[in-house]
Amino acid sequence: MLGDNLVASAVSGEDEVVEAIELNSREHFVVGVQWHPERTYSTSAFSRRVFADWVRAAEQFEPRRIEESVAEK
């Protein structure tokens, strides 16, 4: 069972083990993978896509003001 708002985005065809997850949220970029895409970057288009999406999300990231991220007491 996955946590709240997590989606299995890759599952092994052999034993149905979850190989990758994503957070179902437009506000945050969250991807978890169970392999080393940096090792297959030069040979795998999918691994390159993981990095490209991460770079795109980082470029578009706008942090909240500190006043917005700290709970009021």
Protein backbone atom coordinates (compact mmCIF):
# COMPACT_ATOMS: atom_id res chain seq x y z
CA MET A 1 0.00 0.00 0.00
CA LEU A 2 1.32 3.41 -0.98
CA GLY A 3 1.05 6.57 1.09
CA ASP A 4 -1.48 9.36 0.57
CA ASN A 5 -1.45 10.79 -2.97
CA LEU A 6 1.35 8.45 -4.13
CA VAL A 7 0.86 6.67 -7.44
CA ALA A 8 2.74 3.61 -8.68
CA SER A 9 4.09 4.73 -12.05
CA ALA A 10 6.22 1.65 -12.81
CA VAL A 11 5.62 -1.94 -11.75
CA SER A 12 7.75 -4.99 -12.50
CA GLY A 13 6.08 -7.29 -15.00
CA GLU A 14 7.62 -10.35 -13.36
CA ASP A 15 6.60 -9.98 -9.72
CA GLU A 16 4.53 -6.75 -9.66
CA VAL A 17 6.99 -5.01 -7.34
CA VAL A 18 6.57 -1.23 -7.47
CA GLU A 19 9.64 0.18 -9.23
CA ALA A 20 8.69 3.88 -9.29
CA ILE A 21 6.27 6.21 -7.55
CA GLU A 22 5.07 9.77 -8.07
CA LEU A 23 3.18 12.21 -5.90
CA ASN A 24 -0.17 13.13 -7.40
CA SER A 25 0.28 16.88 -6.95
CA ARG A 26 0.86 19.78 -9.30
CA GLU A 27 2.45 21.76 -6.46
CA HIS A 28 5.40 19.43 -5.83
CA PHE A 29 7.76 17.36 -7.95
CA VAL A 30 8.18 14.01 -6.23
CA VAL A 31 9.48 10.93 -8.03
CA GLY A 32 10.97 7.84 -6.42
CA VAL A 33 12.68 5.17 -8.49
CA GLN A 34 14.16 1.81 -7.53
CA TRP A 35 17.05 1.84 -9.93
CA HIS A 36 19.97 4.14 -10.73
CA PRO A 37 18.97 6.32 -13.70
CA GLU A 38 22.37 8.01 -13.54
CA ARG A 39 23.94 4.67 -14.49
CA THR A 40 21.75 4.27 -17.57
CA TYR A 41 21.58 7.92 -18.62
CA SER A 42 23.61 7.41 -21.78
CA THR A 43 21.69 4.32 -22.91
CA SER A 44 18.12 4.88 -21.67
CA ALA A 45 15.75 7.52 -22.99
CA PHE A 46 13.56 6.95 -19.94
CA SER A 47 16.43 7.69 -17.54
CA ARG A 48 17.20 10.89 -19.47
CA ARG A 49 13.52 11.84 -19.19
CA VAL A 50 13.63 11.42 -15.39
CA PHE A 51 16.50 13.91 -15.23
CA ALA A 52 14.94 16.29 -17.77
CA ASP A 53 11.69 16.42 -15.82
CA TRP A 54 13.60 17.03 -12.59
CA VAL A 55 15.59 19.88 -14.16
CA ARG A 56 12.39 21.42 -15.57
CA ALA A 57 10.72 21.26 -12.16
CA ALA A 58 13.76 22.82 -10.49
CA GLU A 59 13.82 25.66 -13.03
CA GLN A 60 10.13 26.39 -12.43
CA PHE A 61 10.30 26.11 -8.63
CA GLU A 62 9.31 29.20 -6.71
CA PRO A 63 9.78 28.86 -2.97
CA ARG A 64 7.14 30.24 -0.65
CA ARG A 65 7.96 33.23 1.48
CA ILE A 66 9.16 32.19 4.94
CA GLU A 67 6.07 33.80 6.45
CA GLU A 68 3.90 31.45 4.38
CA SER A 69 5.77 28.29 5.32
CA VAL A 70 5.96 28.72 9.09
CA ALA A 71 2.86 27.87 11.09
CA GLU A 72 1.38 30.71 13.08
CA LYS A 73 1.34 30.29 16.85
